[in-house]
Structures are given as C-alpha cells and as structure tokens.
Amino acid sequence: MNLKSIKPNKSLGQNFLIDRNIAAKTVKIINADENSYVIEIGPGTGALTSLLLETNCNLTAIEIDERAFLELSEKYPKEKYPKFNLMKMDFRDFDFYGIGNNLKVIGNIPYYLSSEIFFKLFEATPNIELAVMTIQKEVAKRLTSKRGSKDFGILTLAMMMSGTCKIEFDVPPACFYPAPNVMSSVIKMDFKNIPNPVNDYKKIMKIIRLAFSQRRKMLSNSIKDYLNNIQIDASSPEFEKYSQYLTRRPEELLPEDFEYLLNIIESYRKQN
C-alpha cells in the first residue's frame, strides 16, 4: 500500500511499519499455516497482512481507521482472498468468544493502548494460543520483569497469571513511519504455558490493583479498605504467614501470594 495515501493519524497512535525484513521476522514467529486462525490488530498499511495472507491462514484483521479499511478492502477483495475477514471496529470491542480456540494474535499496536489491549487478551486466554506483538520496549521490560525490580507491577503479575512472555528482538525507530521517539520490541506471549495459574483471575487482579495503588506502602496500609478490619486469630495456623505478607510491599509478592491472601480474607469474611 502506498504510504502517501494514508497520512498517519496521531490521535490513533499510528506508526506504520515500513521495514519488510522486520515484518517477515515478526510473521515467522507466529508460525501460521492453512489451519491457523489469526487475529491481526490494526493492520494499517498491511505490512504484516500481506505476509500473513501468503501463509494461507484464516485471517481476521481489525482496523479502526476507515482510510486503511477501505484501501485494504480494495487491495484484498473477498473474492480473491476468501479466508481474509476485514472488520472495521475498535479492537477493544472485539469479541473473541465464538470464533474458536487456539487463536493466534499479531499486531503493531498503538503504544498508548498497549496495556488496555493486553488486559483484554489476558481475559480471553482460554481462546488464545499465543500473541506476537510489537510494543514499546519499556512495556516489554515490564511484562518480563522479575519480582522486586522497579519494572515489576500490575502488568507483570497479570502476565504471569496468563502465560509467559519473551522479548524476541528490538526494533529501532527508523523501521516505522513516522519514527517513534522510543525503541520498540517484538514480544511473544504464550498463553498455553502458565507459570502461575490461579483460580479467580478477576478477584486477584482487584486486590493487586489496590495494592499497587500505593506501591511504596506495606500491604497492611495499601489494602486496608479491602481488609475491612478483619482480625485473624493469633493461634490459627495462618496467622504468622498472613501477618508477614501484610508487612511486605506489592512488588515483593507473586500471584500465588495474592491468591493466598485473598483466600484467607474471604474465609474469615464468611466466618463473620
């Protein structure tokens, strides 16, 4: 597609990928074939789309920009590409359910929407096998950070409860038009390999968000309202471990620690 025909829209966070080698490396990671069902977020000028169609996969591309939607519709008509489904909509409104399982997701996503997009993916993990995304390098570091580091936070914990994440390679600004002011990274998220599985993702995310709302404070202060004056019997077997958790900061805990806290709190609430 001719870049001159679509002027990047700043309000949509558009930075079009213009390096075909980077596009090819990105598509190779997703390992799509004729049996794959792939969702592409924001195809834009079609840098990834054209290569994905070469794999003969079942491709659904979601584009919010009407200009890009119209040009892609013209370039890849349904008659010639029957396995290509182009949808004009906001990805945040996209419904994964009903499409099938073992979906693969790919995209060069708007950096200002990256966290919002990730949390949508995390909630749809029963349907998604993997995702390959180009994102801001700083966000990639947060997704892959270690407990106790400055980058460890809500996004990291959500990733750990949903799957694994690996930084595949970095992408310099010159590979995009217009060139962003930051370095980018291509990441691979594997949603079939979950290192820290939990029973109730949404409930645990609620307590995690509350804890990180006052990141530098101990949990006894940051989740004080959630505790609601719950008193744990000092003679109970849970008391020592529970008390130790409350003296720690949120970046020191793993998902299973938050799950343990949640279970103790809910257990005592039921008793009272």
Foldseek 3Di string as FASTA:
>chain_A
DDPVQDDDDVVQLDWAFADLVVLVVLLVVLVDALDAEEEEEACQQPSNPVVNVVRNHQYEYEHQDPSSLVVVCVVCPCVNNVSYHYHHDHVLPDDLPPPAAQHEYEYAHRAVCVLVVVVVCLVVLRRYFKYKYKYFVLVLCLCQDDQPDPSDALNVQSLLQQFHKDFDAKDAQVSIVVRDPGIITIMMTGRVHRNDHDDDSVVLSVLRVQLCVVQVAFQCPSCVVVLVPQDDPPPDPCNVVLVVNRRDGSSNDHSVSSRVNVVVSVVSVVVD
